[in-house]
Amino acid sequence: MPELPEVETVARGLRAQLAGRRLAAVHLYRRSVYRGPSLQHLIGGEIGTVARAGKFLVVHLDAGRPWQLLFHLGMTGQLLLQPPEAPLAKHTHARFDFDGPLTLAFRDPRRFGRIGLAPTPEQGGFAPALHIPSGAEPLEIGETEFASLFHRRQAPIKNALLNQKLLRGLGNIYADESLHRAGIDPRARALSRPRLRRLRAEIRAVLEEAIAAAGSSISDYVDSAGAPGWFHLQHRVYGHTGAPCLQCGSPIRRLVLAGRSAHFCPTCQRR
C-alpha cells in the first residue's frame, strides 16, 4: 500500500502540473470507487492546491467551488498524468480532463482505492464521503506531542504506529524501517521518553529519505509521471526475512502482530 512518502511524491507531481488548470470533464468508469455528490460540481473549477493528509491526496478547488476532491490509493492505486490521446489503460476507473490539454487517470487493479468529494471546512452541510484520519503528521509532530501519544502505551509499538488516529501516514514499510533504526523491537510496550525521542527522529529521517528517493516501488506504485521510486533498494528489514541484518549479521525475522506483519532484527532491536 502506498504510504506517506509515495503519496507525498504523487502530490508534488500533481501540484506542479495541475495548479491553475481548469477541469473540463470528468469520466467515471466504475462508480463503486466513488463516494459523494455529483462530480459535475467540479466542472469548470480551477485547481488551487494539491496537498497530502496522511495517506490521502487532497485537491482543493477555487473559492467559487468550495470542494475538496479526495483520493486514497488503497493497495494498488495510481494517479497518472497523461496526454488526452493516451489509450485508456486496463483498470482505469476514472479520468479527469483539464485544459492544456492534460488528463489525470485513476487506475487501480485491486479496486481498494477510493475517490471522494467533501465540503471544505467552511462549507459544511453534509458529512464527507471519505474521512481523513485525525492523527498527527509524522513530519510535523513535536517531541512532547509524540511522547504524549506513545509514552507507556500498552499496545505493541508497531501496532500503535499503524493507528492512523494517533499518527497518520505510516504503514508497514516505514514503521519497520524506523523501528530498526531506532533499535526498538516491534513488540515493545510502554517505551521510555528517551527511546521515543529517538524513534521520532528516526521516523522523520526515514520518511525524508524515502521522499527524496520518490518512495518505494514494491508492487504497483509509480509517481504521477509513471516512474517508479527507488527507496526499496535501501530497505534494511522490510521484506528481507532471513537475510542478514546490515548492522550485526543476524537473520531478519518476520512475525505477525494483530494481523499485520513486522520485520525486525532480534539482536539489534530490543524490547
C-alpha atoms as a PDB file:
ATOM      1  CA  MET A   1       0.000   0.000   0.000  1.00  0.00           C
ATOM      2  CA  PRO A   2       1.363   3.469  -0.828  1.00  0.00           C
ATOM      3  CA  GLU A   3       2.357   5.192   2.405  1.00  0.00           C
ATOM      4  CA  LEU A   4       3.284   8.761   3.272  1.00  0.00           C
ATOM      5  CA  PRO A   5       6.399   9.076   1.035  1.00  0.00           C
ATOM      6  CA  GLU A   6       4.639   7.634  -2.003  1.00  0.00           C
ATOM      7  CA  VAL A   7       1.548   9.812  -1.561  1.00  0.00           C
ATOM      8  CA  GLU A   8       3.713  12.887  -0.954  1.00  0.00           C
ATOM      9  CA  THR A   9       5.643  12.147  -4.149  1.00  0.00           C
ATOM     10  CA  VAL A  10       2.436  11.880  -6.161  1.00  0.00           C
ATOM     11  CA  ALA A  11       1.068  15.073  -4.558  1.00  0.00           C
ATOM     12  CA  ARG A  12       4.169  17.031  -5.550  1.00  0.00           C
ATOM     13  CA  GLY A  13       3.974  15.792  -9.122  1.00  0.00           C
ATOM     14  CA  LEU A  14       0.298  16.690  -9.437  1.00  0.00           C
ATOM     15  CA  ARG A  15       0.783  20.074  -7.772  1.00  0.00           C
ATOM     16  CA  ALA A  16       3.434  21.051 -10.289  1.00  0.00           C
ATOM     17  CA  GLN A  17       1.222  20.174 -13.268  1.00  0.00           C
ATOM     18  CA  LEU A  18      -2.351  20.895 -12.152  1.00  0.00           C
ATOM     19  CA  ALA A  19      -2.243  24.116 -10.126  1.00  0.00           C
ATOM     20  CA  GLY A  20      -4.157  26.804 -12.003  1.00  0.00           C
ATOM     21  CA  ARG A  21      -5.669  24.440 -14.579  1.00  0.00           C
ATOM     22  CA  ARG A  22      -9.416  24.232 -15.129  1.00  0.00           C
ATOM     23  CA  LEU A  23     -11.308  20.965 -15.051  1.00  0.00           C
ATOM     24  CA  ALA A  24     -13.082  20.413 -18.371  1.00  0.00           C
ATOM     25  CA  ALA A  25     -14.698  16.992 -17.926  1.00  0.00           C
ATOM     26  CA  VAL A  26     -14.977  14.026 -15.565  1.00  0.00           C
ATOM     27  CA  HIS A  27     -15.398  10.410 -16.692  1.00  0.00           C
ATOM     28  CA  LEU A  28     -16.334   7.823 -14.076  1.00  0.00           C
ATOM     29  CA  TYR A  29     -15.969   4.313 -15.477  1.00  0.00           C
ATOM     30  CA  ARG A  30     -16.537   2.366 -12.251  1.00  0.00           C
ATOM     31  CA  ARG A  31     -18.963   4.012  -9.869  1.00  0.00           C
ATOM     32  CA  SER A  32     -18.058   1.756  -6.929  1.00  0.00           C
ATOM     33  CA  VAL A  33     -14.753   3.615  -6.438  1.00  0.00           C
ATOM     34  CA  TYR A  34     -16.532   6.937  -5.875  1.00  0.00           C
ATOM     35  CA  ARG A  35     -18.220   8.329  -2.761  1.00  0.00           C
ATOM     36  CA  GLY A  36     -20.029  11.653  -2.644  1.00  0.00           C
ATOM     37  CA  PRO A  37     -22.308  14.020  -4.571  1.00  0.00           C
ATOM     38  CA  SER A  38     -22.137  14.535  -8.314  1.00  0.00           C
ATOM     39  CA  LEU A  39     -18.682  15.239  -9.685  1.00  0.00           C
ATOM     40  CA  GLN A  40     -20.311  17.671 -12.088  1.00  0.00           C
ATOM     41  CA  HIS A  41     -19.998  20.228  -9.279  1.00  0.00           C
ATOM     42  CA  LEU A  42     -16.328  20.426 -10.237  1.00  0.00           C
ATOM     43  CA  ILE A  43     -16.644  21.139 -13.976  1.00  0.00           C
ATOM     44  CA  GLY A  44     -15.092  24.487 -14.840  1.00  0.00           C
ATOM     45  CA  GLY A  45     -13.376  24.787 -11.500  1.00  0.00           C
ATOM     46  CA  GLU A  46      -9.756  25.843 -11.219  1.00  0.00           C
ATOM     47  CA  ILE A  47      -7.331  23.704  -9.237  1.00  0.00           C
ATOM     48  CA  GLY A  48      -5.891  25.621  -6.324  1.00  0.00           C
ATOM     49  CA  THR A  49      -3.522  23.321  -4.471  1.00  0.00           C
ATOM     50  CA  VAL A  50      -2.784  19.612  -4.214  1.00  0.00           C
ATOM     51  CA  ALA A  51      -1.845  18.502  -0.719  1.00  0.00           C
ATOM     52  CA  ARG A  52      -1.319  15.334   1.290  1.00  0.00           C
ATOM     53  CA  ALA A  53      -3.067  14.452   4.555  1.00  0.00           C
ATOM     54  CA  GLY A  54      -1.756  11.166   5.902  1.00  0.00           C
ATOM     55  CA  LYS A  55      -2.239   8.699   3.041  1.00  0.00           C
ATOM     56  CA  PHE A  56      -4.872  10.885   1.351  1.00  0.00           C
ATOM     57  CA  LEU A  57      -4.408  13.238  -1.581  1.00  0.00           C
ATOM     58  CA  VAL A  58      -6.497  16.397  -1.246  1.00  0.00           C
ATOM     59  CA  VAL A  59      -7.191  18.535  -4.325  1.00  0.00           C
ATOM     60  CA  HIS A  60      -8.558  21.987  -3.461  1.00  0.00           C
ATOM     61  CA  LEU A  61     -10.571  23.939  -5.988  1.00  0.00           C
ATOM     62  CA  ASP A  62     -11.086  27.693  -6.362  1.00  0.00           C
ATOM     63  CA  ALA A  63     -13.253  29.665  -3.946  1.00  0.00           C
ATOM     64  CA  GLY A  64     -16.215  29.532  -6.327  1.00  0.00           C
ATOM     65  CA  ARG A  65     -16.397  25.761  -5.846  1.00  0.00           C
ATOM     66  CA  PRO A  66     -15.768  25.060  -2.147  1.00  0.00           C
ATOM     67  CA  TRP A  67     -14.994  21.374  -2.539  1.00  0.00           C
ATOM     68  CA  GLN A  68     -12.144  19.048  -1.772  1.00  0.00           C
ATOM     69  CA  LEU A  69     -11.520  16.153  -4.132  1.00  0.00           C
ATOM     70  CA  LEU A  70     -10.063  13.264  -2.122  1.00  0.00           C
ATOM     71  CA  PHE A  71      -8.072  10.292  -3.369  1.00  0.00           C
ATOM     72  CA  HIS A  72      -6.967   7.242  -1.416  1.00  0.00           C
ATOM     73  CA  LEU A  73      -4.751   4.908  -3.424  1.00  0.00           C
ATOM     74  CA  GLY A  74      -5.627   1.774  -1.470  1.00  0.00           C
ATOM     75  CA  MET A  75      -3.141  -1.003  -2.230  1.00  0.00           C
ATOM     76  CA  THR A  76      -2.520  -0.615  -5.963  1.00  0.00           C
ATOM     77  CA  GLY A  77      -3.949   2.774  -6.917  1.00  0.00           C
ATOM     78  CA  GLN A  78      -2.176   5.093  -9.361  1.00  0.00           C
ATOM     79  CA  LEU A  79      -2.810   8.692 -10.414  1.00  0.00           C
ATOM     80  CA  LEU A  80      -1.226   9.251 -13.808  1.00  0.00           C
ATOM     81  CA  LEU A  81      -0.899  12.500 -15.759  1.00  0.00           C
ATOM     82  CA  GLN A  82      -1.254  11.771 -19.467  1.00  0.00           C
ATOM     83  CA  PRO A  83      -1.940  13.477 -22.798  1.00  0.00           C
ATOM     84  CA  PRO A  84      -5.603  13.236 -23.879  1.00  0.00           C
ATOM     85  CA  GLU A  85      -4.752  10.904 -26.748  1.00  0.00           C
ATOM     86  CA  ALA A  86      -3.237   8.296 -24.402  1.00  0.00           C
ATOM     87  CA  PRO A  87      -5.154   4.992 -24.633  1.00  0.00           C
ATOM     88  CA  LEU A  88      -7.346   4.096 -21.675  1.00  0.00           C
ATOM     89  CA  ALA A  89      -5.319   1.529 -19.741  1.00  0.00           C
ATOM     90  CA  LYS A  90      -6.906  -1.536 -18.196  1.00  0.00           C
ATOM     91  CA  HIS A  91      -8.252  -0.951 -14.654  1.00  0.00           C
ATOM     92  CA  THR A  92      -8.696   2.795 -15.231  1.00  0.00           C
ATOM     93  CA  HIS A  93     -11.767   3.690 -13.155  1.00  0.00           C
ATOM     94  CA  ALA A  94     -11.913   7.471 -13.593  1.00  0.00           C
ATOM     95  CA  ARG A  95     -10.411  10.216 -15.747  1.00  0.00           C
ATOM     96  CA  PHE A  96     -10.285  13.963 -15.229  1.00  0.00           C
ATOM     97  CA  ASP A  97      -9.732  16.160 -18.302  1.00  0.00           C
ATOM     98  CA  PHE A  98      -8.073  19.562 -17.878  1.00  0.00           C
ATOM     99  CA  ASP A  99      -7.321  22.474 -20.144  1.00  0.00           C
ATOM    100  CA  GLY A 100      -3.822  22.439 -21.506  1.00  0.00           C
ATOM    101  CA  PRO A 101      -4.625  19.722 -22.651  1.00  0.00           C
ATOM    102  CA  LEU A 102      -3.940  17.187 -19.908  1.00  0.00           C
ATOM    103  CA  THR A 103      -5.743  14.265 -18.287  1.00  0.00           C
ATOM    104  CA  LEU A 104      -5.459  12.626 -14.882  1.00  0.00           C
ATOM    105  CA  ALA A 105      -6.263   8.910 -14.863  1.00  0.00           C
ATOM    106  CA  PHE A 106      -7.107   6.959 -11.704  1.00  0.00           C
ATOM    107  CA  ARG A 107      -6.067   3.329 -12.163  1.00  0.00           C
ATOM    108  CA  ASP A 108      -6.413   0.600  -9.535  1.00  0.00           C
ATOM    109  CA  PRO A 109      -6.202  -3.129 -10.392  1.00  0.00           C
ATOM    110  CA  ARG A 110      -7.299  -4.361  -6.959  1.00  0.00           C
ATOM    111  CA  ARG A 111     -10.005  -1.685  -6.512  1.00  0.00           C
ATOM    112  CA  PHE A 112      -9.322  -0.849  -2.851  1.00  0.00           C
ATOM    113  CA  GLY A 113      -8.671   2.788  -3.732  1.00  0.00           C
ATOM    114  CA  ARG A 114     -11.364   5.436  -3.395  1.00  0.00           C
ATOM    115  CA  ILE A 115     -12.290   8.853  -4.759  1.00  0.00           C
ATOM    116  CA  GLY A 116     -14.491  11.187  -2.724  1.00  0.00           C
ATOM    117  CA  LEU A 117     -15.876  14.700  -2.781  1.00  0.00           C
ATOM    118  CA  ALA A 118     -16.070  16.547   0.505  1.00  0.00           C
ATOM    119  CA  PRO A 119     -17.025  20.081   1.503  1.00  0.00           C
ATOM    120  CA  THR A 120     -14.343  22.462   2.657  1.00  0.00           C
ATOM    121  CA  PRO A 121     -14.388  23.105   6.417  1.00  0.00           C
ATOM    122  CA  GLU A 122     -16.096  26.442   5.718  1.00  0.00           C
ATOM    123  CA  GLN A 123     -18.901  24.877   3.649  1.00  0.00           C
ATOM    124  CA  GLY A 124     -20.200  22.083   5.836  1.00  0.00           C
ATOM    125  CA  GLY A 125     -23.711  20.907   5.136  1.00  0.00           C
ATOM    126  CA  PHE A 126     -23.112  17.152   4.880  1.00  0.00           C
ATOM    127  CA  ALA A 127     -20.706  14.527   6.163  1.00  0.00           C
ATOM    128  CA  PRO A 128     -17.638  13.875   3.968  1.00  0.00           C
ATOM    129  CA  ALA A 129     -17.799  10.688   1.925  1.00  0.00           C
ATOM    130  CA  LEU A 130     -14.227   9.768   2.860  1.00  0.00           C
ATOM    131  CA  HIS A 131     -12.878  10.514   6.305  1.00  0.00           C
ATOM    132  CA  ILE A 132      -9.263  11.604   6.643  1.00  0.00           C
ATOM    133  CA  PRO A 133      -7.909  10.166   9.916  1.00  0.00           C
ATOM    134  CA  SER A 134      -7.382  12.627  12.739  1.00  0.00           C
ATOM    135  CA  GLY A 135      -3.840  11.518  13.648  1.00  0.00           C
ATOM    136  CA  ALA A 136      -0.824  13.812  13.735  1.00  0.00           C
ATOM    137  CA  GLU A 137       1.510  14.217  10.761  1.00  0.00           C
ATOM    138  CA  PRO A 138       4.833  12.385  11.393  1.00  0.00           C
ATOM    139  CA  LEU A 139       6.881  15.121   9.717  1.00  0.00           C
ATOM    140  CA  GLU A 140       5.270  17.861  11.801  1.00  0.00           C
ATOM    141  CA  ILE A 141       4.698  16.413  15.259  1.00  0.00           C
ATOM    142  CA  GLY A 142       6.952  17.730  18.030  1.00  0.00           C
ATOM    143  CA  GLU A 143       8.821  15.723  20.674  1.00  0.00           C
ATOM    144  CA  THR A 144       6.384  16.479  23.501  1.00  0.00           C
ATOM    145  CA  GLU A 145       3.292  15.623  21.488  1.00  0.00           C
ATOM    146  CA  PHE A 146       4.878  12.441  20.117  1.00  0.00           C
ATOM    147  CA  ALA A 147       5.837  11.309  23.615  1.00  0.00           C
ATOM    148  CA  SER A 148       2.347  12.011  24.937  1.00  0.00           C
ATOM    149  CA  LEU A 149       0.849   9.812  22.208  1.00  0.00           C
ATOM    150  CA  PHE A 150       3.027   6.770  22.827  1.00  0.00           C
ATOM    151  CA  HIS A 151       4.532   7.021  26.341  1.00  0.00           C
ATOM    152  CA  ARG A 152       3.570   3.975  28.413  1.00  0.00           C
ATOM    153  CA  ARG A 153       1.011   2.852  25.826  1.00  0.00           C
ATOM    154  CA  GLN A 154       0.354  -0.864  26.399  1.00  0.00           C
ATOM    155  CA  ALA A 155      -0.142  -1.900  22.766  1.00  0.00           C
ATOM    156  CA  PRO A 156       2.919  -3.163  20.872  1.00  0.00           C
ATOM    157  CA  ILE A 157       4.667  -0.121  19.415  1.00  0.00           C
ATOM    158  CA  LYS A 158       4.357  -1.439  15.840  1.00  0.00           C
ATOM    159  CA  ASN A 159       0.567  -1.572  16.167  1.00  0.00           C
ATOM    160  CA  ALA A 160       0.457   1.855  17.786  1.00  0.00           C
ATOM    161  CA  LEU A 161       2.462   3.370  14.926  1.00  0.00           C
ATOM    162  CA  LEU A 162      -0.039   1.968  12.417  1.00  0.00           C
ATOM    163  CA  ASN A 163      -3.004   3.524  14.250  1.00  0.00           C
ATOM    164  CA  GLN A 164      -3.962   6.368  11.918  1.00  0.00           C
ATOM    165  CA  LYS A 165      -5.897   8.083  14.716  1.00  0.00           C
ATOM    166  CA  LEU A 166      -2.585   8.579  16.518  1.00  0.00           C
ATOM    167  CA  LEU A 167      -0.138   9.147  13.670  1.00  0.00           C
ATOM    168  CA  ARG A 168      -1.340   9.250  10.071  1.00  0.00           C
ATOM    169  CA  GLY A 169       0.678   8.194   7.056  1.00  0.00           C
ATOM    170  CA  LEU A 170       2.825   5.350   8.407  1.00  0.00           C
ATOM    171  CA  GLY A 171       2.301   1.786   7.211  1.00  0.00           C
ATOM    172  CA  ASN A 172       4.178  -1.488   7.467  1.00  0.00           C
ATOM    173  CA  ILE A 173       7.201  -0.435   5.416  1.00  0.00           C
ATOM    174  CA  TYR A 174       8.222   2.738   7.192  1.00  0.00           C
ATOM    175  CA  ALA A 175       7.203   1.576  10.656  1.00  0.00           C
ATOM    176  CA  ASP A 176       9.500  -1.456  10.271  1.00  0.00           C
ATOM    177  CA  GLU A 177      12.371   0.611   8.892  1.00  0.00           C
ATOM    178  CA  SER A 178      12.051   3.277  11.608  1.00  0.00           C
ATOM    179  CA  LEU A 179      11.898   0.755  14.447  1.00  0.00           C
ATOM    180  CA  HIS A 180      15.020  -0.982  13.145  1.00  0.00           C
ATOM    181  CA  ARG A 181      16.977   2.264  13.005  1.00  0.00           C
ATOM    182  CA  ALA A 182      15.781   3.168  16.500  1.00  0.00           C
ATOM    183  CA  GLY A 183      16.769  -0.270  17.864  1.00  0.00           C
ATOM    184  CA  ILE A 184      13.241  -0.996  19.109  1.00  0.00           C
ATOM    185  CA  ASP A 185      11.563  -4.400  18.890  1.00  0.00           C
ATOM    186  CA  PRO A 186       8.109  -4.079  17.229  1.00  0.00           C
ATOM    187  CA  ARG A 187       6.607  -5.922  20.225  1.00  0.00           C
ATOM    188  CA  ALA A 188       7.935  -3.380  22.741  1.00  0.00           C
ATOM    189  CA  ARG A 189       5.405  -1.695  25.025  1.00  0.00           C
ATOM    190  CA  ALA A 190       5.451   1.237  27.431  1.00  0.00           C
ATOM    191  CA  LEU A 191       8.516   2.895  25.917  1.00  0.00           C
ATOM    192  CA  SER A 192      10.532   5.432  27.864  1.00  0.00           C
ATOM    193  CA  ARG A 193      10.662   9.050  26.707  1.00  0.00           C
ATOM    194  CA  PRO A 194      14.336   8.851  25.586  1.00  0.00           C
ATOM    195  CA  ARG A 195      13.524   5.860  23.355  1.00  0.00           C
ATOM    196  CA  LEU A 196      10.502   7.700  21.972  1.00  0.00           C
ATOM    197  CA  ARG A 197      12.640  10.738  21.190  1.00  0.00           C
ATOM    198  CA  ARG A 198      14.977   8.565  19.169  1.00  0.00           C
ATOM    199  CA  LEU A 199      12.057   6.813  17.445  1.00  0.00           C
ATOM    200  CA  ARG A 200      10.514  10.133  16.404  1.00  0.00           C
ATOM    201  CA  ALA A 201      13.847  11.270  14.967  1.00  0.00           C
ATOM    202  CA  GLU A 202      14.292   8.030  13.019  1.00  0.00           C
ATOM    203  CA  ILE A 203      10.737   8.165  11.649  1.00  0.00           C
ATOM    204  CA  ARG A 204      11.381  11.664  10.325  1.00  0.00           C
ATOM    205  CA  ALA A 205      14.737  10.652   8.843  1.00  0.00           C
ATOM    206  CA  VAL A 206      13.342   7.545   7.114  1.00  0.00           C
ATOM    207  CA  LEU A 207      10.371   9.435   5.678  1.00  0.00           C
ATOM    208  CA  GLU A 208      12.524  12.299   4.414  1.00  0.00           C
ATOM    209  CA  GLU A 209      14.969   9.881   2.770  1.00  0.00           C
ATOM    210  CA  ALA A 210      12.113   7.957   1.187  1.00  0.00           C
ATOM    211  CA  ILE A 211      10.528  11.130  -0.196  1.00  0.00           C
ATOM    212  CA  ALA A 212      13.883  12.160  -1.646  1.00  0.00           C
ATOM    213  CA  ALA A 213      14.030   8.734  -3.335  1.00  0.00           C
ATOM    214  CA  ALA A 214      10.447   9.124  -4.706  1.00  0.00           C
ATOM    215  CA  GLY A 215       9.110   6.342  -2.470  1.00  0.00           C
ATOM    216  CA  SER A 216       9.307   2.532  -2.558  1.00  0.00           C
ATOM    217  CA  SER A 217       8.129   0.665  -5.647  1.00  0.00           C
ATOM    218  CA  ILE A 218       7.369  -2.792  -4.267  1.00  0.00           C
ATOM    219  CA  SER A 219       4.087  -3.535  -6.016  1.00  0.00           C
ATOM    220  CA  ASP A 220       2.206  -1.224  -8.399  1.00  0.00           C
ATOM    221  CA  TYR A 221       3.379   2.143  -7.091  1.00  0.00           C
ATOM    222  CA  VAL A 222       4.594   4.742  -9.587  1.00  0.00           C
ATOM    223  CA  ASP A 223       4.581   8.529  -9.412  1.00  0.00           C
ATOM    224  CA  SER A 224       2.261  10.779 -11.425  1.00  0.00           C
ATOM    225  CA  ALA A 225       4.561  10.514 -14.457  1.00  0.00           C
ATOM    226  CA  GLY A 226       4.550   6.710 -14.293  1.00  0.00           C
ATOM    227  CA  ALA A 227       8.096   6.449 -12.913  1.00  0.00           C
ATOM    228  CA  PRO A 228       8.952   4.083 -10.018  1.00  0.00           C
ATOM    229  CA  GLY A 229      10.617   5.123  -6.794  1.00  0.00           C
ATOM    230  CA  TRP A 230      13.838   3.524  -5.567  1.00  0.00           C
ATOM    231  CA  PHE A 231      13.827   3.701  -1.757  1.00  0.00           C
ATOM    232  CA  HIS A 232      13.023  -0.033  -1.629  1.00  0.00           C
ATOM    233  CA  LEU A 233      16.678  -0.538  -2.570  1.00  0.00           C
ATOM    234  CA  GLN A 234      17.561   0.983   0.826  1.00  0.00           C
ATOM    235  CA  HIS A 235      15.196  -1.115   2.953  1.00  0.00           C
ATOM    236  CA  ARG A 236      17.065  -2.720   5.834  1.00  0.00           C
ATOM    237  CA  VAL A 237      14.411  -5.104   7.197  1.00  0.00           C
ATOM    238  CA  TYR A 238      11.086  -4.828   5.355  1.00  0.00           C
ATOM    239  CA  GLY A 239      10.690  -7.813   3.052  1.00  0.00           C
ATOM    240  CA  HIS A 240      14.143  -9.146   3.983  1.00  0.00           C
ATOM    241  CA  THR A 241      13.084 -12.181   6.033  1.00  0.00           C
ATOM    242  CA  GLY A 242      16.080 -14.483   6.534  1.00  0.00           C
ATOM    243  CA  ALA A 243      18.593 -12.030   5.094  1.00  0.00           C
ATOM    244  CA  PRO A 244      21.470 -10.882   7.345  1.00  0.00           C
ATOM    245  CA  CYS A 245      20.963  -7.675   9.293  1.00  0.00           C
ATOM    246  CA  LEU A 246      23.186  -4.953   7.823  1.00  0.00           C
ATOM    247  CA  GLN A 247      24.275  -3.947  11.321  1.00  0.00           C
ATOM    248  CA  CYS A 248      25.005  -7.261  13.054  1.00  0.00           C
ATOM    249  CA  GLY A 249      24.522 -10.077  10.527  1.00  0.00           C
ATOM    250  CA  SER A 250      21.694 -11.809  12.414  1.00  0.00           C
ATOM    251  CA  PRO A 251      18.886 -13.155  10.205  1.00  0.00           C
ATOM    252  CA  ILE A 252      15.949 -10.787   9.843  1.00  0.00           C
ATOM    253  CA  ARG A 253      12.785 -12.242  11.345  1.00  0.00           C
ATOM    254  CA  ARG A 254       9.137 -11.793  10.419  1.00  0.00           C
ATOM    255  CA  LEU A 255       6.210 -12.109  12.794  1.00  0.00           C
ATOM    256  CA  VAL A 256       2.537 -11.177  12.767  1.00  0.00           C
ATOM    257  CA  LEU A 257       1.096  -8.690  15.244  1.00  0.00           C
ATOM    258  CA  ALA A 258      -2.687  -8.252  15.233  1.00  0.00           C
ATOM    259  CA  GLY A 259      -2.828  -9.422  11.633  1.00  0.00           C
ATOM    260  CA  ARG A 260      -0.023  -7.173  10.395  1.00  0.00           C
ATOM    261  CA  SER A 261       3.472  -8.356   9.529  1.00  0.00           C
ATOM    262  CA  ALA A 262       6.558  -6.987  11.244  1.00  0.00           C
ATOM    263  CA  HIS A 263      10.168  -7.413  10.069  1.00  0.00           C
ATOM    264  CA  PHE A 264      12.971  -6.888  12.580  1.00  0.00           C
ATOM    265  CA  CYS A 265      16.418  -7.896  13.783  1.00  0.00           C
ATOM    266  CA  PRO A 266      16.179  -9.907  17.031  1.00  0.00           C
ATOM    267  CA  THR A 267      19.698  -8.819  18.004  1.00  0.00           C
ATOM    268  CA  CYS A 268      19.720  -5.088  17.249  1.00  0.00           C
ATOM    269  CA  GLN A 269      16.146  -4.382  18.295  1.00  0.00           C
ATOM    270  CA  ARG A 270      15.259  -4.831  21.949  1.00  0.00           C
ATOM    271  CA  ARG A 271      12.068  -4.620  23.924  1.00  0.00           C
END
